[in-house]
């Protein structure tokens, strides 16, 4: 599902299967199926600003905050 408008902070998202398939082995282990939360947006001049997504601690992986995640790389989590 393509996201066409900004989502509220607190919305749960995850990386798409296509994006995860293009990651290295460590990235695949870290992000495959993991749900992150939109925590905000950076000030951008684009019509649809890209979100800041925070993924919680998972196993030995620390919490990770990723800035300006492209909309094509994430999807809503159920």
PDB file of N, CA and C in Angstrom:
ATOM      1  N   UNK A   1       0.841  -1.179   0.000  1.00  0.00           N
ATOM      2  CA  UNK A   1       0.000   0.000   0.000  1.00  0.00           C
ATOM      3  C   UNK A   1       0.883   1.239   0.000  1.00  0.00           C
ATOM      4  N   UNK A   2       0.685   2.106  -0.947  1.00  0.00           N
ATOM      5  CA  UNK A   2       1.455   3.335  -1.015  1.00  0.00           C
ATOM      6  C   UNK A   2       0.857   4.378  -0.081  1.00  0.00           C
ATOM      7  N   UNK A   3       1.707   5.009   0.704  1.00  0.00           N
ATOM      8  CA  UNK A   3       1.255   6.036   1.644  1.00  0.00           C
ATOM      9  C   UNK A   3       1.236   7.366   0.907  1.00  0.00           C
ATOM     10  N   UNK A   4       0.093   8.057   0.960  1.00  0.00           N
ATOM     11  CA  UNK A   4      -0.056   9.288   0.182  1.00  0.00           C
ATOM     12  C   UNK A   4      -0.201  10.536   1.038  1.00  0.00           C
ATOM     13  N   UNK A   5      -0.205  10.396   2.355  1.00  0.00           N
ATOM     14  CA  UNK A   5      -0.276  11.569   3.226  1.00  0.00           C
ATOM     15  C   UNK A   5       0.500  11.284   4.501  1.00  0.00           C
ATOM     16  N   UNK A   6       0.878  12.350   5.208  1.00  0.00           N
ATOM     17  CA  UNK A   6       1.617  12.183   6.454  1.00  0.00           C
ATOM     18  C   UNK A   6       0.787  11.404   7.462  1.00  0.00           C
ATOM     19  N   UNK A   7       1.444  10.613   8.259  1.00  0.00           N
ATOM     20  CA  UNK A   7       0.782   9.839   9.302  1.00  0.00           C
ATOM     21  C   UNK A   7       1.091  10.463  10.656  1.00  0.00           C
ATOM     22  N   UNK A   8       0.193  10.271  11.597  1.00  0.00           N
ATOM     23  CA  UNK A   8       0.362  10.820  12.939  1.00  0.00           C
ATOM     24  C   UNK A   8       1.561  10.176  13.641  1.00  0.00           C
ATOM     25  N   UNK A   9       2.296  10.957  14.445  1.00  0.00           N
ATOM     26  CA  UNK A   9       3.313  10.337  15.292  1.00  0.00           C
ATOM     27  C   UNK A   9       2.652   9.271  16.167  1.00  0.00           C
ATOM     28  N   UNK A  10       3.336   8.171  16.359  1.00  0.00           N
ATOM     29  CA  UNK A  10       2.781   7.051  17.111  1.00  0.00           C
ATOM     30  C   UNK A  10       2.253   5.944  16.212  1.00  0.00           C
ATOM     31  N   UNK A  11       2.149   6.218  14.909  1.00  0.00           N
ATOM     32  CA  UNK A  11       1.681   5.209  13.957  1.00  0.00           C
ATOM     33  C   UNK A  11       2.743   4.119  13.805  1.00  0.00           C
ATOM     34  N   UNK A  12       2.312   2.867  13.831  1.00  0.00           N
ATOM     35  CA  UNK A  12       3.233   1.737  13.712  1.00  0.00           C
ATOM     36  C   UNK A  12       3.459   1.398  12.242  1.00  0.00           C
ATOM     37  N   UNK A  13       4.732   1.269  11.882  1.00  0.00           N
ATOM     38  CA  UNK A  13       5.121   0.957  10.505  1.00  0.00           C
ATOM     39  C   UNK A  13       6.227  -0.091  10.522  1.00  0.00           C
ATOM     40  N   UNK A  14       6.502  -0.656   9.364  1.00  0.00           N
ATOM     41  CA  UNK A  14       7.631  -1.576   9.211  1.00  0.00           C
ATOM     42  C   UNK A  14       8.196  -1.397   7.801  1.00  0.00           C
ATOM     43  N   UNK A  15       9.432  -1.880   7.618  1.00  0.00           N
ATOM     44  CA  UNK A  15      10.028  -1.839   6.289  1.00  0.00           C
ATOM     45  C   UNK A  15       9.297  -2.817   5.382  1.00  0.00           C
ATOM     46  N   UNK A  16       9.207  -2.480   4.099  1.00  0.00           N
ATOM     47  CA  UNK A  16       8.599  -3.385   3.126  1.00  0.00           C
ATOM     48  C   UNK A  16       9.529  -4.581   2.904  1.00  0.00           C
ATOM     49  N   UNK A  17       8.965  -5.671   2.414  1.00  0.00           N
ATOM     50  CA  UNK A  17       9.770  -6.863   2.122  1.00  0.00           C
ATOM     51  C   UNK A  17      10.841  -6.556   1.086  1.00  0.00           C
ATOM     52  N   UNK A  18      10.507  -5.720   0.101  1.00  0.00           N
ATOM     53  CA  UNK A  18      11.478  -5.354  -0.931  1.00  0.00           C
ATOM     54  C   UNK A  18      12.672  -4.636  -0.310  1.00  0.00           C
ATOM     55  N   UNK A  19      12.416  -3.702   0.594  1.00  0.00           N
ATOM     56  CA  UNK A  19      13.507  -2.955   1.239  1.00  0.00           C
ATOM     57  C   UNK A  19      14.369  -3.887   2.087  1.00  0.00           C
ATOM     58  N   UNK A  20      13.741  -4.761   2.853  1.00  0.00           N
ATOM     59  CA  UNK A  20      14.497  -5.697   3.694  1.00  0.00           C
ATOM     60  C   UNK A  20      15.344  -6.629   2.829  1.00  0.00           C
ATOM     61  N   UNK A  21      14.824  -7.053   1.689  1.00  0.00           N
ATOM     62  CA  UNK A  21      15.570  -7.970   0.819  1.00  0.00           C
ATOM     63  C   UNK A  21      16.839  -7.330   0.261  1.00  0.00           C
ATOM     64  N   UNK A  22      16.903  -6.018   0.253  1.00  0.00           N
ATOM     65  CA  UNK A  22      18.078  -5.311  -0.273  1.00  0.00           C
ATOM     66  C   UNK A  22      19.101  -4.966   0.808  1.00  0.00           C
ATOM     67  N   UNK A  23      18.820  -5.334   2.050  1.00  0.00           N
ATOM     68  CA  UNK A  23      19.734  -5.048   3.160  1.00  0.00           C
ATOM     69  C   UNK A  23      20.789  -6.136   3.269  1.00  0.00           C
ATOM     70  N   UNK A  24      21.877  -5.803   3.976  1.00  0.00           N
ATOM     71  CA  UNK A  24      22.881  -6.826   4.265  1.00  0.00           C
ATOM     72  C   UNK A  24      22.328  -7.772   5.336  1.00  0.00           C
ATOM     73  N   UNK A  25      23.064  -8.815   5.658  1.00  0.00           N
ATOM     74  CA  UNK A  25      22.573  -9.835   6.595  1.00  0.00           C
ATOM     75  C   UNK A  25      22.222  -9.246   7.960  1.00  0.00           C
ATOM     76  N   UNK A  26      23.042  -8.346   8.455  1.00  0.00           N
ATOM     77  CA  UNK A  26      22.771  -7.721   9.757  1.00  0.00           C
ATOM     78  C   UNK A  26      21.471  -6.924   9.704  1.00  0.00           C
ATOM     79  N   UNK A  27      21.268  -6.169   8.636  1.00  0.00           N
ATOM     80  CA  UNK A  27      20.038  -5.397   8.481  1.00  0.00           C
ATOM     81  C   UNK A  27      18.815  -6.291   8.388  1.00  0.00           C
ATOM     82  N   UNK A  28      18.947  -7.389   7.677  1.00  0.00           N
ATOM     83  CA  UNK A  28      17.827  -8.335   7.562  1.00  0.00           C
ATOM     84  C   UNK A  28      17.450  -8.894   8.926  1.00  0.00           C
ATOM     85  N   UNK A  29      18.459  -9.264   9.730  1.00  0.00           N
ATOM     86  CA  UNK A  29      18.183  -9.788  11.068  1.00  0.00           C
ATOM     87  C   UNK A  29      17.541  -8.720  11.947  1.00  0.00           C
ATOM     88  N   UNK A  30      17.975  -7.482  11.786  1.00  0.00           N
ATOM     89  CA  UNK A  30      17.490  -6.396  12.643  1.00  0.00           C
ATOM     90  C   UNK A  30      16.073  -5.970  12.288  1.00  0.00           C
ATOM     91  N   UNK A  31      15.767  -5.844  11.001  1.00  0.00           N
ATOM     92  CA  UNK A  31      14.520  -5.197  10.597  1.00  0.00           C
ATOM     93  C   UNK A  31      13.446  -6.111  10.011  1.00  0.00           C
ATOM     94  N   UNK A  32      13.766  -7.356   9.685  1.00  0.00           N
ATOM     95  CA  UNK A  32      12.766  -8.235   9.086  1.00  0.00           C
ATOM     96  C   UNK A  32      11.602  -8.466  10.052  1.00  0.00           C
ATOM     97  N   UNK A  33      10.435  -7.962   9.715  1.00  0.00           N
ATOM     98  CA  UNK A  33       9.237  -8.149  10.526  1.00  0.00           C
ATOM     99  C   UNK A  33       9.133  -7.253  11.744  1.00  0.00           C
ATOM    100  N   UNK A  34      10.140  -6.436  12.004  1.00  0.00           N
ATOM    101  CA  UNK A  34      10.118  -5.579  13.186  1.00  0.00           C
ATOM    102  C   UNK A  34       9.240  -4.352  12.958  1.00  0.00           C
ATOM    103  N   UNK A  35       8.500  -3.990  13.984  1.00  0.00           N
ATOM    104  CA  UNK A  35       7.596  -2.844  13.906  1.00  0.00           C
ATOM    105  C   UNK A  35       8.253  -1.649  14.574  1.00  0.00           C
ATOM    106  N   UNK A  36       8.251  -0.530  13.859  1.00  0.00           N
ATOM    107  CA  UNK A  36       8.759   0.719  14.394  1.00  0.00           C
ATOM    108  C   UNK A  36       7.615   1.704  14.556  1.00  0.00           C
ATOM    109  N   UNK A  37       7.920   2.853  15.149  1.00  0.00           N
ATOM    110  CA  UNK A  37       6.912   3.871  15.411  1.00  0.00           C
ATOM    111  C   UNK A  37       7.375   5.193  14.810  1.00  0.00           C
ATOM    112  N   UNK A  38       6.466   5.875  14.113  1.00  0.00           N
ATOM    113  CA  UNK A  38       6.785   7.213  13.617  1.00  0.00           C
ATOM    114  C   UNK A  38       6.837   8.135  14.826  1.00  0.00           C
ATOM    115  N   UNK A  39       7.989   8.763  15.042  1.00  0.00           N
ATOM    116  CA  UNK A  39       8.143   9.634  16.204  1.00  0.00           C
ATOM    117  C   UNK A  39       8.120  11.107  15.839  1.00  0.00           C
ATOM    118  N   UNK A  40       8.079  11.417  14.561  1.00  0.00           N
ATOM    119  CA  UNK A  40       8.005  12.812  14.145  1.00  0.00           C
ATOM    120  C   UNK A  40       8.489  12.995  12.722  1.00  0.00           C
ATOM    121  N   UNK A  41       8.713  14.260  12.385  1.00  0.00           N
ATOM    122  CA  UNK A  41       9.162  14.631  11.045  1.00  0.00           C
ATOM    123  C   UNK A  41      10.205  15.723  11.175  1.00  0.00           C
ATOM    124  N   UNK A  42      11.191  15.720  10.298  1.00  0.00           N
ATOM    125  CA  UNK A  42      12.138  16.829  10.235  1.00  0.00           C
ATOM    126  C   UNK A  42      11.518  17.918   9.381  1.00  0.00           C
ATOM    127  N   UNK A  43      11.943  19.132   9.616  1.00  0.00           N
ATOM    128  CA  UNK A  43      11.454  20.241   8.799  1.00  0.00           C
ATOM    129  C   UNK A  43      12.002  20.057   7.385  1.00  0.00           C
ATOM    130  N   UNK A  44      11.097  19.867   6.434  1.00  0.00           N
ATOM    131  CA  UNK A  44      11.485  19.659   5.042  1.00  0.00           C
ATOM    132  C   UNK A  44      10.598  20.529   4.169  1.00  0.00           C
ATOM    133  N   UNK A  45      11.094  20.852   3.009  1.00  0.00           N
ATOM    134  CA  UNK A  45      10.318  21.699   2.105  1.00  0.00           C
ATOM    135  C   UNK A  45       9.416  20.892   1.179  1.00  0.00           C
ATOM    136  N   UNK A  46       9.474  19.573   1.273  1.00  0.00           N
ATOM    137  CA  UNK A  46       8.653  18.763   0.375  1.00  0.00           C
ATOM    138  C   UNK A  46       7.200  18.747   0.832  1.00  0.00           C
ATOM    139  N   UNK A  47       6.310  18.449  -0.098  1.00  0.00           N
ATOM    140  CA  UNK A  47       4.877  18.401   0.185  1.00  0.00           C
ATOM    141  C   UNK A  47       4.541  17.270   1.159  1.00  0.00           C
ATOM    142  N   UNK A  48       5.258  16.161   1.064  1.00  0.00           N
ATOM    143  CA  UNK A  48       5.031  15.006   1.924  1.00  0.00           C
ATOM    144  C   UNK A  48       6.340  14.692   2.662  1.00  0.00           C
ATOM    145  N   UNK A  49       6.554  15.303   3.842  1.00  0.00           N
ATOM    146  CA  UNK A  49       7.821  15.097   4.554  1.00  0.00           C
ATOM    147  C   UNK A  49       8.007  13.638   4.950  1.00  0.00           C
ATOM    148  N   UNK A  50       9.260  13.205   4.940  1.00  0.00           N
ATOM    149  CA  UNK A  50       9.568  11.819   5.286  1.00  0.00           C
ATOM    150  C   UNK A  50       9.714  11.692   6.802  1.00  0.00           C
ATOM    151  N   UNK A  51       9.232  10.592   7.366  1.00  0.00           N
ATOM    152  CA  UNK A  51       9.173  10.465   8.824  1.00  0.00           C
ATOM    153  C   UNK A  51      10.483  10.047   9.490  1.00  0.00           C
ATOM    154  N   UNK A  52      10.526  10.299  10.790  1.00  0.00           N
ATOM    155  CA  UNK A  52      11.555   9.743  11.659  1.00  0.00           C
ATOM    156  C   UNK A  52      10.917   8.495  12.264  1.00  0.00           C
ATOM    157  N   UNK A  53      11.556   7.354  12.092  1.00  0.00           N
ATOM    158  CA  UNK A  53      11.008   6.091  12.601  1.00  0.00           C
ATOM    159  C   UNK A  53      11.955   5.532  13.658  1.00  0.00           C
ATOM    160  N   UNK A  54      11.385   5.172  14.803  1.00  0.00           N
ATOM    161  CA  UNK A  54      12.163   4.576  15.884  1.00  0.00           C
ATOM    162  C   UNK A  54      11.790   3.103  16.013  1.00  0.00           C
ATOM    163  N   UNK A  55      12.815   2.256  15.953  1.00  0.00           N
ATOM    164  CA  UNK A  55      12.629   0.822  16.146  1.00  0.00           C
ATOM    165  C   UNK A  55      13.114   0.490  17.556  1.00  0.00           C
ATOM    166  N   UNK A  56      12.301  -0.222  18.354  1.00  0.00           N
ATOM    167  CA  UNK A  56      12.688  -0.525  19.739  1.00  0.00           C
ATOM    168  C   UNK A  56      13.831  -1.529  19.814  1.00  0.00           C
ATOM    169  N   UNK A  57      14.416  -1.631  20.998  1.00  0.00           N
ATOM    170  CA  UNK A  57      15.455  -2.627  21.259  1.00  0.00           C
ATOM    171  C   UNK A  57      14.902  -4.004  20.901  1.00  0.00           C
ATOM    172  N   UNK A  58      15.742  -4.800  20.249  1.00  0.00           N
ATOM    173  CA  UNK A  58      15.330  -6.136  19.816  1.00  0.00           C
ATOM    174  C   UNK A  58      16.509  -7.079  20.002  1.00  0.00           C
ATOM    175  N   UNK A  59      16.396  -8.011  20.940  1.00  0.00           N
ATOM    176  CA  UNK A  59      17.507  -8.922  21.201  1.00  0.00           C
ATOM    177  C   UNK A  59      18.747  -8.143  21.582  1.00  0.00           C
ATOM    178  N   UNK A  60      19.821  -8.361  20.856  1.00  0.00           N
ATOM    179  CA  UNK A  60      21.065  -7.639  21.148  1.00  0.00           C
ATOM    180  C   UNK A  60      21.167  -6.312  20.404  1.00  0.00           C
ATOM    181  N   UNK A  61      20.180  -6.009  19.580  1.00  0.00           N
ATOM    182  CA  UNK A  61      20.189  -4.753  18.833  1.00  0.00           C
ATOM    183  C   UNK A  61      19.630  -3.624  19.692  1.00  0.00           C
ATOM    184  N   UNK A  62      20.294  -2.490  19.693  1.00  0.00           N
ATOM    185  CA  UNK A  62      19.845  -1.328  20.458  1.00  0.00           C
ATOM    186  C   UNK A  62      18.685  -0.639  19.754  1.00  0.00           C
ATOM    187  N   UNK A  63      17.985   0.224  20.497  1.00  0.00           N
ATOM    188  CA  UNK A  63      16.946   1.049  19.877  1.00  0.00           C
ATOM    189  C   UNK A  63      17.594   1.845  18.749  1.00  0.00           C
ATOM    190  N   UNK A  64      16.881   2.002  17.664  1.00  0.00           N
ATOM    191  CA  UNK A  64      17.436   2.696  16.510  1.00  0.00           C
ATOM    192  C   UNK A  64      16.447   3.716  15.981  1.00  0.00           C
ATOM    193  N   UNK A  65      16.918   4.958  15.839  1.00  0.00           N
ATOM    194  CA  UNK A  65      16.096   6.036  15.295  1.00  0.00           C
ATOM    195  C   UNK A  65      16.634   6.355  13.907  1.00  0.00           C
ATOM    196  N   UNK A  66      15.767   6.270  12.903  1.00  0.00           N
ATOM    197  CA  UNK A  66      16.186   6.484  11.520  1.00  0.00           C
ATOM    198  C   UNK A  66      15.466   7.714  10.983  1.00  0.00           C
ATOM    199  N   UNK A  67      16.230   8.676  10.518  1.00  0.00           N
ATOM    200  CA  UNK A  67      15.689   9.938  10.031  1.00  0.00           C
ATOM    201  C   UNK A  67      15.363   9.871   8.544  1.00  0.00           C
ATOM    202  N   UNK A  68      14.287  10.537   8.155  1.00  0.00           N
ATOM    203  CA  UNK A  68      13.887  10.691   6.752  1.00  0.00           C
ATOM    204  C   UNK A  68      13.804   9.354   6.013  1.00  0.00           C
ATOM    205  N   UNK A  69      12.997   8.468   6.528  1.00  0.00           N
ATOM    206  CA  UNK A  69      12.784   7.165   5.882  1.00  0.00           C
ATOM    207  C   UNK A  69      11.893   7.381   4.660  1.00  0.00           C
ATOM    208  N   UNK A  70      12.324   6.978   3.468  1.00  0.00           N
ATOM    209  CA  UNK A  70      11.488   7.152   2.277  1.00  0.00           C
ATOM    210  C   UNK A  70      10.163   6.401   2.413  1.00  0.00           C
ATOM    211  N   UNK A  71       9.080   7.050   2.008  1.00  0.00           N
ATOM    212  CA  UNK A  71       7.743   6.449   2.107  1.00  0.00           C
ATOM    213  C   UNK A  71       7.647   5.139   1.337  1.00  0.00           C
ATOM    214  N   UNK A  72       8.379   5.019   0.233  1.00  0.00           N
ATOM    215  CA  UNK A  72       8.303   3.794  -0.574  1.00  0.00           C
ATOM    216  C   UNK A  72       8.912   2.598   0.152  1.00  0.00           C
ATOM    217  N   UNK A  73       9.685   2.853   1.215  1.00  0.00           N
ATOM    218  CA  UNK A  73      10.360   1.775   1.935  1.00  0.00           C
ATOM    219  C   UNK A  73       9.613   1.284   3.170  1.00  0.00           C
ATOM    220  N   UNK A  74       8.485   1.933   3.526  1.00  0.00           N
ATOM    221  CA  UNK A  74       7.745   1.501   4.715  1.00  0.00           C
ATOM    222  C   UNK A  74       6.281   1.243   4.389  1.00  0.00           C
ATOM    223  N   UNK A  75       5.650   0.471   5.267  1.00  0.00           N
ATOM    224  CA  UNK A  75       4.224   0.173   5.136  1.00  0.00           C
ATOM    225  C   UNK A  75       3.607   0.177   6.529  1.00  0.00           C
ATOM    226  N   UNK A  76       2.306   0.342   6.585  1.00  0.00           N
ATOM    227  CA  UNK A  76       1.612   0.309   7.869  1.00  0.00           C
ATOM    228  C   UNK A  76       1.696  -1.088   8.461  1.00  0.00           C
ATOM    229  N   UNK A  77       1.912  -1.162   9.766  1.00  0.00           N
ATOM    230  CA  UNK A  77       1.932  -2.445  10.467  1.00  0.00           C
ATOM    231  C   UNK A  77       0.546  -2.709  11.036  1.00  0.00           C
ATOM    232  N   UNK A  78       0.098  -3.933  10.973  1.00  0.00           N
ATOM    233  CA  UNK A  78      -1.228  -4.296  11.483  1.00  0.00           C
ATOM    234  C   UNK A  78      -1.279  -4.192  12.972  1.00  0.00           C
TER     235      UNK A  78
END
